[in-house]
Amino acid sequence: MSENNYNSENNQNSGETRRDFIVLSASAVAGVGAASFAWPLVDSLNPSADVLALASTEVDISSIEKGQSIRVMWRGKPVFVRRRTDKEIAEARETKISDLPDPETDEARVQKGKDEWLVLVGVCTHLGCVPLGNQGEYGGWFCPCHGSHYDTSGRIRKGPAPTNLAIPPYEFASNNVIKIG
């Protein structure tokens, strides 16, 4: 009888081991199947190549003269790239921060060592209009829709706009090229 008990225990243990193996194998096959189904679905949610191409843009700044600004498009928004004169930089730095509705220094709005280059998203922070360049009381930008005046650093100085013009992420790819985005 003790031999029968031993055999039945042995069969019971091997049955559990077999069952565990089958459950583990079935789970692994189901997991691989679910991943095979989910991957194309998740991959289809990634941005398309044309959208990725718009995610960044390179701007040749070699032909921009001091005091001149250009407008380029980035992600469907206008971006102003301005090469400021020494006088414009000095005026922007002489402005008292306490006089500004949205206090920010000129140095914080440009990259270190590249003070003459100002890169701004050209959308008024009041209602999303596009300000006009080299106009207004402070020589920067003027939004004629509601009368917002920005200085040569893109900071709001007068009018209903609550904040300064935004600065997009950008870097100098070379001395003549800025990569926005």
C-alpha atoms as a PDB file:
ATOM      1  CA  MET A   1       0.000   0.000   0.000  1.00  0.00           C
ATOM      2  CA  SER A   2       2.814   2.321   0.678  1.00  0.00           C
ATOM      3  CA  GLU A   3       4.053   1.623  -2.846  1.00  0.00           C
ATOM      4  CA  ASN A   4       0.665   2.628  -4.312  1.00  0.00           C
ATOM      5  CA  ASN A   5       0.680   5.818  -2.303  1.00  0.00           C
ATOM      6  CA  TYR A   6       4.097   6.593  -3.618  1.00  0.00           C
ATOM      7  CA  ASN A   7       3.026   6.045  -7.232  1.00  0.00           C
ATOM      8  CA  SER A   8      -0.137   8.119  -6.880  1.00  0.00           C
ATOM      9  CA  GLU A   9       1.842  10.973  -5.296  1.00  0.00           C
ATOM     10  CA  ASN A  10       4.411  10.721  -8.068  1.00  0.00           C
ATOM     11  CA  ASN A  11       1.681  10.835 -10.746  1.00  0.00           C
ATOM     12  CA  GLN A  12       0.003  13.741  -9.000  1.00  0.00           C
ATOM     13  CA  ASN A  13       3.261  15.735  -8.910  1.00  0.00           C
ATOM     14  CA  SER A  14       4.037  15.026 -12.551  1.00  0.00           C
ATOM     15  CA  GLY A  15       0.448  16.029 -13.487  1.00  0.00           C
ATOM     16  CA  GLU A  16       0.831  19.372 -11.751  1.00  0.00           C
ATOM     17  CA  THR A  17       4.153  19.902 -13.456  1.00  0.00           C
ATOM     18  CA  ARG A  18       2.619  19.099 -16.840  1.00  0.00           C
ATOM     19  CA  ARG A  19      -0.340  21.371 -16.144  1.00  0.00           C
ATOM     20  CA  ASP A  20       1.968  24.200 -15.074  1.00  0.00           C
ATOM     21  CA  PHE A  21       3.976  23.785 -18.268  1.00  0.00           C
ATOM     22  CA  ILE A  22       0.848  23.865 -20.432  1.00  0.00           C
ATOM     23  CA  VAL A  23      -0.489  26.982 -18.674  1.00  0.00           C
ATOM     24  CA  LEU A  24       2.888  28.701 -18.975  1.00  0.00           C
ATOM     25  CA  SER A  25       3.191  27.795 -22.668  1.00  0.00           C
ATOM     26  CA  ALA A  26      -0.368  28.929 -23.439  1.00  0.00           C
ATOM     27  CA  SER A  27       0.244  32.216 -21.597  1.00  0.00           C
ATOM     28  CA  ALA A  28       3.454  32.835 -23.524  1.00  0.00           C
ATOM     29  CA  VAL A  29       1.756  32.171 -26.878  1.00  0.00           C
ATOM     30  CA  ALA A  30      -1.151  34.455 -25.900  1.00  0.00           C
ATOM     31  CA  GLY A  31       1.293  37.207 -24.828  1.00  0.00           C
ATOM     32  CA  VAL A  32       3.215  37.017 -28.108  1.00  0.00           C
ATOM     33  CA  GLY A  33      -0.078  37.053 -30.030  1.00  0.00           C
ATOM     34  CA  ALA A  34      -1.332  40.109 -28.135  1.00  0.00           C
ATOM     35  CA  ALA A  35       1.956  41.943 -28.722  1.00  0.00           C
ATOM     36  CA  SER A  36       1.838  41.040 -32.429  1.00  0.00           C
ATOM     37  CA  PHE A  37      -1.651  42.528 -32.633  1.00  0.00           C
ATOM     38  CA  ALA A  38      -0.895  45.616 -30.506  1.00  0.00           C
ATOM     39  CA  TRP A  39       2.373  46.654 -32.215  1.00  0.00           C
ATOM     40  CA  PRO A  40       0.841  47.764 -35.551  1.00  0.00           C
ATOM     41  CA  LEU A  41      -1.935  49.555 -33.675  1.00  0.00           C
ATOM     42  CA  VAL A  42       0.487  51.485 -31.468  1.00  0.00           C
ATOM     43  CA  ASP A  43       2.847  52.141 -34.393  1.00  0.00           C
ATOM     44  CA  SER A  44      -0.016  53.689 -36.392  1.00  0.00           C
ATOM     45  CA  LEU A  45      -0.371  56.349 -33.669  1.00  0.00           C
ATOM     46  CA  ASN A  46       3.157  57.699 -34.350  1.00  0.00           C
ATOM     47  CA  PRO A  47       3.358  60.915 -36.373  1.00  0.00           C
ATOM     48  CA  SER A  48       3.729  60.497 -40.122  1.00  0.00           C
ATOM     49  CA  ALA A  49       6.861  61.473 -42.030  1.00  0.00           C
ATOM     50  CA  ASP A  50       5.356  64.747 -43.279  1.00  0.00           C
ATOM     51  CA  VAL A  51       4.460  65.769 -39.730  1.00  0.00           C
ATOM     52  CA  LEU A  52       7.949  64.910 -38.488  1.00  0.00           C
ATOM     53  CA  ALA A  53       9.424  67.021 -41.282  1.00  0.00           C
ATOM     54  CA  LEU A  54       7.465  70.016 -39.979  1.00  0.00           C
ATOM     55  CA  ALA A  55       8.629  69.405 -36.412  1.00  0.00           C
ATOM     56  CA  SER A  56      11.822  71.330 -37.077  1.00  0.00           C
ATOM     57  CA  THR A  57      13.013  73.774 -39.679  1.00  0.00           C
ATOM     58  CA  GLU A  58      16.396  75.181 -40.561  1.00  0.00           C
ATOM     59  CA  VAL A  59      16.770  78.864 -41.365  1.00  0.00           C
ATOM     60  CA  ASP A  60      19.686  80.373 -43.280  1.00  0.00           C
ATOM     61  CA  ILE A  61      20.486  83.628 -41.476  1.00  0.00           C
ATOM     62  CA  SER A  62      23.537  84.608 -43.516  1.00  0.00           C
ATOM     63  CA  SER A  63      21.678  87.222 -45.583  1.00  0.00           C
ATOM     64  CA  ILE A  64      19.898  88.960 -42.680  1.00  0.00           C
ATOM     65  CA  GLU A  65      21.305  92.453 -42.129  1.00  0.00           C
ATOM     66  CA  LYS A  66      21.469  94.185 -38.729  1.00  0.00           C
ATOM     67  CA  GLY A  67      18.086  95.698 -37.897  1.00  0.00           C
ATOM     68  CA  GLN A  68      16.276  93.330 -40.263  1.00  0.00           C
ATOM     69  CA  SER A  69      13.890  90.515 -39.383  1.00  0.00           C
ATOM     70  CA  ILE A  70      12.386  87.682 -41.379  1.00  0.00           C
ATOM     71  CA  ARG A  71       9.349  85.505 -40.851  1.00  0.00           C
ATOM     72  CA  VAL A  72       9.455  81.744 -41.346  1.00  0.00           C
ATOM     73  CA  MET A  73       6.847  79.080 -40.680  1.00  0.00           C
ATOM     74  CA  TRP A  74       7.330  76.391 -38.038  1.00  0.00           C
ATOM     75  CA  ARG A  75       4.567  73.954 -37.059  1.00  0.00           C
ATOM     76  CA  GLY A  76       2.051  76.172 -38.812  1.00  0.00           C
ATOM     77  CA  LYS A  77       3.032  79.247 -36.807  1.00  0.00           C
ATOM     78  CA  PRO A  78       5.001  82.298 -37.889  1.00  0.00           C
ATOM     79  CA  VAL A  79       8.410  82.664 -36.272  1.00  0.00           C
ATOM     80  CA  PHE A  80      10.296  85.960 -36.295  1.00  0.00           C
ATOM     81  CA  VAL A  81      14.082  85.838 -36.613  1.00  0.00           C
ATOM     82  CA  ARG A  82      15.567  89.258 -35.978  1.00  0.00           C
ATOM     83  CA  ARG A  83      19.153  90.427 -36.133  1.00  0.00           C
ATOM     84  CA  ARG A  84      19.204  93.278 -33.677  1.00  0.00           C
ATOM     85  CA  THR A  85      21.446  96.323 -33.814  1.00  0.00           C
ATOM     86  CA  ASP A  86      23.734  97.262 -30.933  1.00  0.00           C
ATOM     87  CA  LYS A  87      21.363 100.162 -30.189  1.00  0.00           C
ATOM     88  CA  GLU A  88      18.333  97.818 -29.979  1.00  0.00           C
ATOM     89  CA  ILE A  89      20.215  95.490 -27.640  1.00  0.00           C
ATOM     90  CA  ALA A  90      21.291  98.390 -25.418  1.00  0.00           C
ATOM     91  CA  GLU A  91      17.735  99.776 -25.241  1.00  0.00           C
ATOM     92  CA  ALA A  92      16.344  96.367 -24.364  1.00  0.00           C
ATOM     93  CA  ARG A  93      18.914  95.920 -21.594  1.00  0.00           C
ATOM     94  CA  GLU A  94      18.352  99.412 -20.167  1.00  0.00           C
ATOM     95  CA  THR A  95      14.651  98.733 -19.619  1.00  0.00           C
ATOM     96  CA  LYS A  96      13.720  98.458 -15.956  1.00  0.00           C
ATOM     97  CA  ILE A  97      12.335  95.011 -15.270  1.00  0.00           C
ATOM     98  CA  SER A  98       9.829  96.518 -12.814  1.00  0.00           C
ATOM     99  CA  ASP A  99       8.256  98.460 -15.735  1.00  0.00           C
ATOM    100  CA  LEU A 100       7.346  95.263 -17.575  1.00  0.00           C
ATOM    101  CA  PRO A 101       3.952  93.521 -17.253  1.00  0.00           C
ATOM    102  CA  ASP A 102       5.709  90.155 -17.735  1.00  0.00           C
ATOM    103  CA  PRO A 103       9.150  90.704 -16.168  1.00  0.00           C
ATOM    104  CA  GLU A 104      11.949  89.008 -18.073  1.00  0.00           C
ATOM    105  CA  THR A 105      15.476  90.212 -18.797  1.00  0.00           C
ATOM    106  CA  ASP A 106      16.743  90.605 -22.327  1.00  0.00           C
ATOM    107  CA  GLU A 107      19.555  88.158 -21.557  1.00  0.00           C
ATOM    108  CA  ALA A 108      16.976  85.456 -20.755  1.00  0.00           C
ATOM    109  CA  ARG A 109      15.398  85.868 -24.207  1.00  0.00           C
ATOM    110  CA  VAL A 110      18.524  85.223 -26.292  1.00  0.00           C
ATOM    111  CA  GLN A 111      21.230  82.583 -26.312  1.00  0.00           C
ATOM    112  CA  LYS A 112      24.444  83.474 -24.536  1.00  0.00           C
ATOM    113  CA  GLY A 113      26.993  84.917 -26.925  1.00  0.00           C
ATOM    114  CA  LYS A 114      24.381  85.369 -29.666  1.00  0.00           C
ATOM    115  CA  ASP A 115      22.794  88.570 -28.318  1.00  0.00           C
ATOM    116  CA  GLU A 116      22.076  90.041 -31.742  1.00  0.00           C
ATOM    117  CA  TRP A 117      19.801  87.125 -32.732  1.00  0.00           C
ATOM    118  CA  LEU A 118      16.251  87.054 -31.419  1.00  0.00           C
ATOM    119  CA  VAL A 119      13.941  84.144 -32.308  1.00  0.00           C
ATOM    120  CA  LEU A 120      10.262  84.475 -31.354  1.00  0.00           C
ATOM    121  CA  VAL A 121       6.958  82.782 -32.105  1.00  0.00           C
ATOM    122  CA  GLY A 122       5.112  85.524 -33.990  1.00  0.00           C
ATOM    123  CA  VAL A 123       1.741  85.073 -32.322  1.00  0.00           C
ATOM    124  CA  CYS A 124       0.308  87.778 -30.054  1.00  0.00           C
ATOM    125  CA  THR A 125      -0.320  86.382 -26.602  1.00  0.00           C
ATOM    126  CA  HIS A 126      -3.638  88.231 -26.310  1.00  0.00           C
ATOM    127  CA  LEU A 127      -5.821  86.649 -28.986  1.00  0.00           C
ATOM    128  CA  GLY A 128      -3.392  84.946 -31.354  1.00  0.00           C
ATOM    129  CA  CYS A 129      -2.995  87.646 -34.011  1.00  0.00           C
ATOM    130  CA  VAL A 130       0.276  88.108 -35.906  1.00  0.00           C
ATOM    131  CA  PRO A 131       2.014  91.352 -34.842  1.00  0.00           C
ATOM    132  CA  LEU A 132       3.646  93.673 -37.367  1.00  0.00           C
ATOM    133  CA  GLY A 133       7.429  94.022 -37.151  1.00  0.00           C
ATOM    134  CA  ASN A 134       9.457  97.228 -36.667  1.00  0.00           C
ATOM    135  CA  GLN A 135       6.384  99.076 -35.463  1.00  0.00           C
ATOM    136  CA  GLY A 136       4.818 100.271 -32.253  1.00  0.00           C
ATOM    137  CA  GLU A 137       6.032 102.616 -29.564  1.00  0.00           C
ATOM    138  CA  TYR A 138       9.037 100.477 -28.649  1.00  0.00           C
ATOM    139  CA  GLY A 139      10.394  99.635 -32.110  1.00  0.00           C
ATOM    140  CA  GLY A 140       9.660  95.945 -31.851  1.00  0.00           C
ATOM    141  CA  TRP A 141       6.272  94.538 -32.828  1.00  0.00           C
ATOM    142  CA  PHE A 142       2.788  95.987 -32.805  1.00  0.00           C
ATOM    143  CA  CYS A 143      -0.465  94.031 -32.902  1.00  0.00           C
ATOM    144  CA  PRO A 144      -3.013  96.316 -34.574  1.00  0.00           C
ATOM    145  CA  CYS A 145      -5.972  94.118 -33.625  1.00  0.00           C
ATOM    146  CA  HIS A 146      -5.993  95.146 -29.968  1.00  0.00           C
ATOM    147  CA  GLY A 147      -3.036  97.505 -29.598  1.00  0.00           C
ATOM    148  CA  SER A 148      -0.351  95.371 -27.945  1.00  0.00           C
ATOM    149  CA  HIS A 149       3.168  96.836 -28.181  1.00  0.00           C
ATOM    150  CA  TYR A 150       6.281  94.635 -27.868  1.00  0.00           C
ATOM    151  CA  ASP A 151       9.851  95.889 -27.553  1.00  0.00           C
ATOM    152  CA  THR A 152      12.929  94.775 -29.506  1.00  0.00           C
ATOM    153  CA  SER A 153      13.251  91.830 -27.149  1.00  0.00           C
ATOM    154  CA  GLY A 154       9.680  90.621 -27.778  1.00  0.00           C
ATOM    155  CA  ARG A 155       8.505  91.644 -24.304  1.00  0.00           C
ATOM    156  CA  ILE A 156       5.022  93.077 -23.824  1.00  0.00           C
ATOM    157  CA  ARG A 157       5.253  96.743 -22.920  1.00  0.00           C
ATOM    158  CA  LYS A 158       1.763  98.134 -23.487  1.00  0.00           C
ATOM    159  CA  GLY A 159      -1.673  96.776 -24.333  1.00  0.00           C
ATOM    160  CA  PRO A 160      -3.871  93.824 -23.373  1.00  0.00           C
ATOM    161  CA  ALA A 161      -1.422  90.989 -24.101  1.00  0.00           C
ATOM    162  CA  PRO A 162      -0.678  89.213 -20.801  1.00  0.00           C
ATOM    163  CA  THR A 163       2.743  87.724 -21.613  1.00  0.00           C
ATOM    164  CA  ASN A 164       5.822  88.217 -23.774  1.00  0.00           C
ATOM    165  CA  LEU A 165       6.083  86.670 -27.221  1.00  0.00           C
ATOM    166  CA  ALA A 166       7.043  83.013 -26.814  1.00  0.00           C
ATOM    167  CA  ILE A 167      10.517  81.702 -27.614  1.00  0.00           C
ATOM    168  CA  PRO A 168      10.535  78.435 -29.566  1.00  0.00           C
ATOM    169  CA  PRO A 169      13.196  75.805 -28.916  1.00  0.00           C
ATOM    170  CA  TYR A 170      16.094  76.603 -31.226  1.00  0.00           C
ATOM    171  CA  GLU A 171      19.811  76.119 -31.608  1.00  0.00           C
ATOM    172  CA  PHE A 172      22.561  77.355 -33.870  1.00  0.00           C
ATOM    173  CA  ALA A 173      23.442  74.509 -36.224  1.00  0.00           C
ATOM    174  CA  SER A 174      26.283  76.667 -37.552  1.00  0.00           C
ATOM    175  CA  ASN A 175      27.146  80.365 -37.684  1.00  0.00           C
ATOM    176  CA  ASN A 176      24.746  80.771 -40.621  1.00  0.00           C
ATOM    177  CA  VAL A 177      21.951  78.324 -39.779  1.00  0.00           C
ATOM    178  CA  ILE A 178      19.411  78.235 -36.961  1.00  0.00           C
ATOM    179  CA  LYS A 179      17.460  75.023 -36.344  1.00  0.00           C
ATOM    180  CA  ILE A 180      14.029  75.730 -34.874  1.00  0.00           C
ATOM    181  CA  GLY A 181      12.288  72.872 -33.120  1.00  0.00           C
END
